[in-house]
Amino acid sequence: MDDDLLTEDEAARLWALAYNTHDPSVLSPVLSKDVRVMSRWVVNDLVGRDRYLKYLTKKFRTFDESGSLVRVELGRTAGDPSEGPGRACAFIEQNGVVLATVLFEVVGGRLSQVSIGPYPAPAACARSGDYPGFGFDDEPVN
């Protein structure tokens, strides 16, 4: 992928693919060196590509060990009708319950920020039914 052409839509798709396949290496080529990951449920932001990839490796191992079904669906935030559709986003779902909306920022052709939280509310967004890399037999495609 040409990094200069990375869009928020592509960043969202790659992020969802990483989560749905439990493979953080999918994100490695597109992450900014100083990527910032913010979550409403974590006090301190996570900063740095290597630190984030290490965190994801542990997180995905925890998913595998827990037996919880975690998957990510692509979507769009509500947009201003005069400006067209909203921003690319994703929804984290665990055991059938949508827990959070994920927003992405791309700067200089790299994924520079991931924001995870309850806003915008998933119910106010357009869900796509698209779960990149996820098989619908309720098992991740590895």
C-alpha atoms as a PDB file:
ATOM      1  CA  MET A   1       0.000   0.000   0.000  1.00  0.00           C
ATOM      2  CA  ASP A   2       1.286   3.461  -0.839  1.00  0.00           C
ATOM      3  CA  ASP A   3       1.399   5.184   2.568  1.00  0.00           C
ATOM      4  CA  ASP A   4       0.639   8.557   0.969  1.00  0.00           C
ATOM      5  CA  LEU A   5      -2.752   7.230  -0.069  1.00  0.00           C
ATOM      6  CA  LEU A   6      -3.823   5.890   3.341  1.00  0.00           C
ATOM      7  CA  THR A   7      -7.273   7.205   4.169  1.00  0.00           C
ATOM      8  CA  GLU A   8      -9.367   6.992   7.327  1.00  0.00           C
ATOM      9  CA  ASP A   9     -11.472   4.359   5.542  1.00  0.00           C
ATOM     10  CA  GLU A  10      -8.384   2.220   4.859  1.00  0.00           C
ATOM     11  CA  ALA A  11      -7.077   2.773   8.393  1.00  0.00           C
ATOM     12  CA  ALA A  12     -10.421   1.624   9.821  1.00  0.00           C
ATOM     13  CA  ARG A  13     -10.407  -1.471   7.591  1.00  0.00           C
ATOM     14  CA  LEU A  14      -6.849  -2.433   8.561  1.00  0.00           C
ATOM     15  CA  TRP A  15      -7.550  -1.845  12.264  1.00  0.00           C
ATOM     16  CA  ALA A  16     -10.682  -4.028  12.079  1.00  0.00           C
ATOM     17  CA  LEU A  17      -8.731  -6.695  10.174  1.00  0.00           C
ATOM     18  CA  ALA A  18      -6.023  -6.716  12.866  1.00  0.00           C
ATOM     19  CA  TYR A  19      -8.646  -7.172  15.601  1.00  0.00           C
ATOM     20  CA  ASN A  20     -10.709  -9.749  13.743  1.00  0.00           C
ATOM     21  CA  THR A  21      -7.693 -11.897  12.852  1.00  0.00           C
ATOM     22  CA  HIS A  22      -5.771 -11.209  16.086  1.00  0.00           C
ATOM     23  CA  ASP A  23      -2.799 -10.126  13.975  1.00  0.00           C
ATOM     24  CA  PRO A  24      -1.234  -6.788  15.022  1.00  0.00           C
ATOM     25  CA  SER A  25       1.349  -6.999  12.216  1.00  0.00           C
ATOM     26  CA  VAL A  26      -1.399  -5.878   9.812  1.00  0.00           C
ATOM     27  CA  LEU A  27      -1.106  -2.404  11.347  1.00  0.00           C
ATOM     28  CA  SER A  28       2.666  -2.166  11.571  1.00  0.00           C
ATOM     29  CA  PRO A  29       3.281  -0.649   8.097  1.00  0.00           C
ATOM     30  CA  VAL A  30       0.671   2.101   8.527  1.00  0.00           C
ATOM     31  CA  LEU A  31       1.202   3.191  12.137  1.00  0.00           C
ATOM     32  CA  SER A  32       2.864   6.509  12.839  1.00  0.00           C
ATOM     33  CA  LYS A  33       6.023   6.206  14.924  1.00  0.00           C
ATOM     34  CA  ASP A  34       4.267   8.230  17.633  1.00  0.00           C
ATOM     35  CA  VAL A  35       0.732   6.875  17.196  1.00  0.00           C
ATOM     36  CA  ARG A  36      -1.556   7.838  20.090  1.00  0.00           C
ATOM     37  CA  VAL A  37      -4.278   5.483  21.297  1.00  0.00           C
ATOM     38  CA  MET A  38      -6.896   6.978  23.573  1.00  0.00           C
ATOM     39  CA  SER A  39      -9.585   5.061  25.383  1.00  0.00           C
ATOM     40  CA  ARG A  40     -12.229   6.421  27.697  1.00  0.00           C
ATOM     41  CA  TRP A  41     -11.673   3.402  29.924  1.00  0.00           C
ATOM     42  CA  VAL A  42      -7.904   3.835  30.303  1.00  0.00           C
ATOM     43  CA  VAL A  43      -6.381   6.695  32.301  1.00  0.00           C
ATOM     44  CA  ASN A  44      -3.210   7.231  30.262  1.00  0.00           C
ATOM     45  CA  ASP A  45      -2.947   7.339  26.489  1.00  0.00           C
ATOM     46  CA  LEU A  46      -0.781   4.705  24.839  1.00  0.00           C
ATOM     47  CA  VAL A  47       1.874   6.395  22.687  1.00  0.00           C
ATOM     48  CA  GLY A  48       4.275   4.839  20.192  1.00  0.00           C
ATOM     49  CA  ARG A  49       4.116   2.224  17.419  1.00  0.00           C
ATOM     50  CA  ASP A  50       6.194  -0.452  19.186  1.00  0.00           C
ATOM     51  CA  ARG A  51       4.358   0.013  22.453  1.00  0.00           C
ATOM     52  CA  TYR A  52       0.962  -0.238  20.733  1.00  0.00           C
ATOM     53  CA  LEU A  53       1.909  -3.357  18.768  1.00  0.00           C
ATOM     54  CA  LYS A  54       3.164  -5.016  21.950  1.00  0.00           C
ATOM     55  CA  TYR A  55      -0.081  -4.046  23.717  1.00  0.00           C
ATOM     56  CA  LEU A  56      -2.180  -5.524  20.889  1.00  0.00           C
ATOM     57  CA  THR A  57      -0.224  -8.782  20.974  1.00  0.00           C
ATOM     58  CA  LYS A  58      -1.069  -9.162  24.677  1.00  0.00           C
ATOM     59  CA  LYS A  59      -4.680  -8.067  24.174  1.00  0.00           C
ATOM     60  CA  PHE A  60      -5.268 -10.571  21.376  1.00  0.00           C
ATOM     61  CA  ARG A  61      -3.718 -13.348  23.472  1.00  0.00           C
ATOM     62  CA  THR A  62      -6.161 -12.428  26.251  1.00  0.00           C
ATOM     63  CA  PHE A  63      -9.073 -12.660  23.785  1.00  0.00           C
ATOM     64  CA  ASP A  64      -7.907 -16.117  22.716  1.00  0.00           C
ATOM     65  CA  GLU A  65      -7.506 -17.327  26.297  1.00  0.00           C
ATOM     66  CA  SER A  66     -10.793 -15.897  27.588  1.00  0.00           C
ATOM     67  CA  GLY A  67     -13.039 -17.498  25.006  1.00  0.00           C
ATOM     68  CA  SER A  68     -14.857 -14.182  24.535  1.00  0.00           C
ATOM     69  CA  LEU A  69     -16.073 -13.471  21.035  1.00  0.00           C
ATOM     70  CA  VAL A  70     -14.641 -10.047  20.159  1.00  0.00           C
ATOM     71  CA  ARG A  71     -15.131  -8.698  16.667  1.00  0.00           C
ATOM     72  CA  VAL A  72     -15.001  -5.345  14.911  1.00  0.00           C
ATOM     73  CA  GLU A  73     -17.499  -4.002  12.395  1.00  0.00           C
ATOM     74  CA  LEU A  74     -16.890  -1.081  10.047  1.00  0.00           C
ATOM     75  CA  GLY A  75     -19.266   1.873   9.919  1.00  0.00           C
ATOM     76  CA  ARG A  76     -19.656   5.616   9.443  1.00  0.00           C
ATOM     77  CA  THR A  77     -20.475   8.382  11.850  1.00  0.00           C
ATOM     78  CA  ALA A  78     -23.522  10.495  11.117  1.00  0.00           C
ATOM     79  CA  GLY A  79     -22.660  13.192   8.620  1.00  0.00           C
ATOM     80  CA  ASP A  80     -23.957  16.607   7.810  1.00  0.00           C
ATOM     81  CA  PRO A  81     -26.424  16.039   4.958  1.00  0.00           C
ATOM     82  CA  SER A  82     -24.962  18.946   3.004  1.00  0.00           C
ATOM     83  CA  GLU A  83     -21.447  17.508   3.290  1.00  0.00           C
ATOM     84  CA  GLY A  84     -22.216  13.852   2.679  1.00  0.00           C
ATOM     85  CA  PRO A  85     -21.474  10.800   4.810  1.00  0.00           C
ATOM     86  CA  GLY A  86     -19.645  11.054   8.085  1.00  0.00           C
ATOM     87  CA  ARG A  87     -16.229   9.721   9.024  1.00  0.00           C
ATOM     88  CA  ALA A  88     -15.082   6.146   8.843  1.00  0.00           C
ATOM     89  CA  CYS A  89     -15.361   4.388  12.183  1.00  0.00           C
ATOM     90  CA  ALA A  90     -15.487   0.917  13.667  1.00  0.00           C
ATOM     91  CA  PHE A  91     -17.451  -0.740  16.447  1.00  0.00           C
ATOM     92  CA  ILE A  92     -15.981  -3.139  18.984  1.00  0.00           C
ATOM     93  CA  GLU A  93     -18.403  -5.898  19.861  1.00  0.00           C
ATOM     94  CA  GLN A  94     -17.935  -8.488  22.599  1.00  0.00           C
ATOM     95  CA  ASN A  95     -20.226 -11.483  22.872  1.00  0.00           C
ATOM     96  CA  GLY A  96     -22.823  -9.707  20.722  1.00  0.00           C
ATOM     97  CA  VAL A  97     -22.811  -6.406  22.640  1.00  0.00           C
ATOM     98  CA  VAL A  98     -21.404  -3.273  21.008  1.00  0.00           C
ATOM     99  CA  LEU A  99     -19.039  -1.716  23.550  1.00  0.00           C
ATOM    100  CA  ALA A 100     -17.381   1.194  21.778  1.00  0.00           C
ATOM    101  CA  THR A 101     -16.979   3.333  18.700  1.00  0.00           C
ATOM    102  CA  VAL A 102     -13.472   3.705  17.280  1.00  0.00           C
ATOM    103  CA  LEU A 103     -12.362   6.781  15.306  1.00  0.00           C
ATOM    104  CA  PHE A 104      -9.162   7.122  13.292  1.00  0.00           C
ATOM    105  CA  GLU A 105      -6.923  10.013  12.286  1.00  0.00           C
ATOM    106  CA  VAL A 106      -4.427   9.801   9.447  1.00  0.00           C
ATOM    107  CA  VAL A 107      -1.615  12.351   9.202  1.00  0.00           C
ATOM    108  CA  GLY A 108       1.156  12.262   6.620  1.00  0.00           C
ATOM    109  CA  GLY A 109      -0.054   8.955   5.220  1.00  0.00           C
ATOM    110  CA  ARG A 110       0.144   7.168   8.596  1.00  0.00           C
ATOM    111  CA  LEU A 111      -2.396   6.190  11.228  1.00  0.00           C
ATOM    112  CA  SER A 112      -1.614   8.754  13.910  1.00  0.00           C
ATOM    113  CA  GLN A 113      -4.488   8.398  16.375  1.00  0.00           C
ATOM    114  CA  VAL A 114      -7.038   5.814  17.477  1.00  0.00           C
ATOM    115  CA  SER A 115      -9.839   7.014  19.768  1.00  0.00           C
ATOM    116  CA  ILE A 116     -11.981   4.398  21.533  1.00  0.00           C
ATOM    117  CA  GLY A 117     -15.090   5.336  23.485  1.00  0.00           C
ATOM    118  CA  PRO A 118     -18.860   5.553  23.648  1.00  0.00           C
ATOM    119  CA  TYR A 119     -19.107   8.624  21.400  1.00  0.00           C
ATOM    120  CA  PRO A 120     -20.432   8.968  18.874  1.00  0.00           C
ATOM    121  CA  ALA A 121     -22.978   6.450  20.072  1.00  0.00           C
ATOM    122  CA  PRO A 122     -23.051   3.387  17.837  1.00  0.00           C
ATOM    123  CA  ALA A 123     -26.838   3.768  17.528  1.00  0.00           C
ATOM    124  CA  ALA A 124     -26.289   7.188  15.925  1.00  0.00           C
ATOM    125  CA  CYS A 125     -23.886   5.762  13.325  1.00  0.00           C
ATOM    126  CA  ALA A 126     -24.372   3.713  10.187  1.00  0.00           C
ATOM    127  CA  ARG A 127     -23.295   0.111  10.699  1.00  0.00           C
ATOM    128  CA  SER A 128     -22.150  -1.778   7.613  1.00  0.00           C
ATOM    129  CA  GLY A 129     -22.310  -5.456   8.547  1.00  0.00           C
ATOM    130  CA  ASP A 130     -18.703  -5.644   7.257  1.00  0.00           C
ATOM    131  CA  TYR A 131     -16.332  -7.486   9.630  1.00  0.00           C
ATOM    132  CA  PRO A 132     -13.001  -7.603   7.714  1.00  0.00           C
ATOM    133  CA  GLY A 133     -11.214 -10.937   8.122  1.00  0.00           C
ATOM    134  CA  PHE A 134     -13.944 -12.431  10.257  1.00  0.00           C
ATOM    135  CA  GLY A 135     -15.655 -15.675   9.346  1.00  0.00           C
ATOM    136  CA  PHE A 136     -19.321 -15.846  10.183  1.00  0.00           C
ATOM    137  CA  ASP A 137     -19.050 -19.220  11.851  1.00  0.00           C
ATOM    138  CA  ASP A 138     -18.208 -17.157  14.971  1.00  0.00           C
ATOM    139  CA  GLU A 139     -14.501 -17.950  14.705  1.00  0.00           C
ATOM    140  CA  PRO A 140     -11.842 -15.448  13.626  1.00  0.00           C
ATOM    141  CA  VAL A 141     -10.145 -16.180  10.328  1.00  0.00           C
ATOM    142  CA  ASN A 142      -6.422 -16.601  11.097  1.00  0.00           C
END
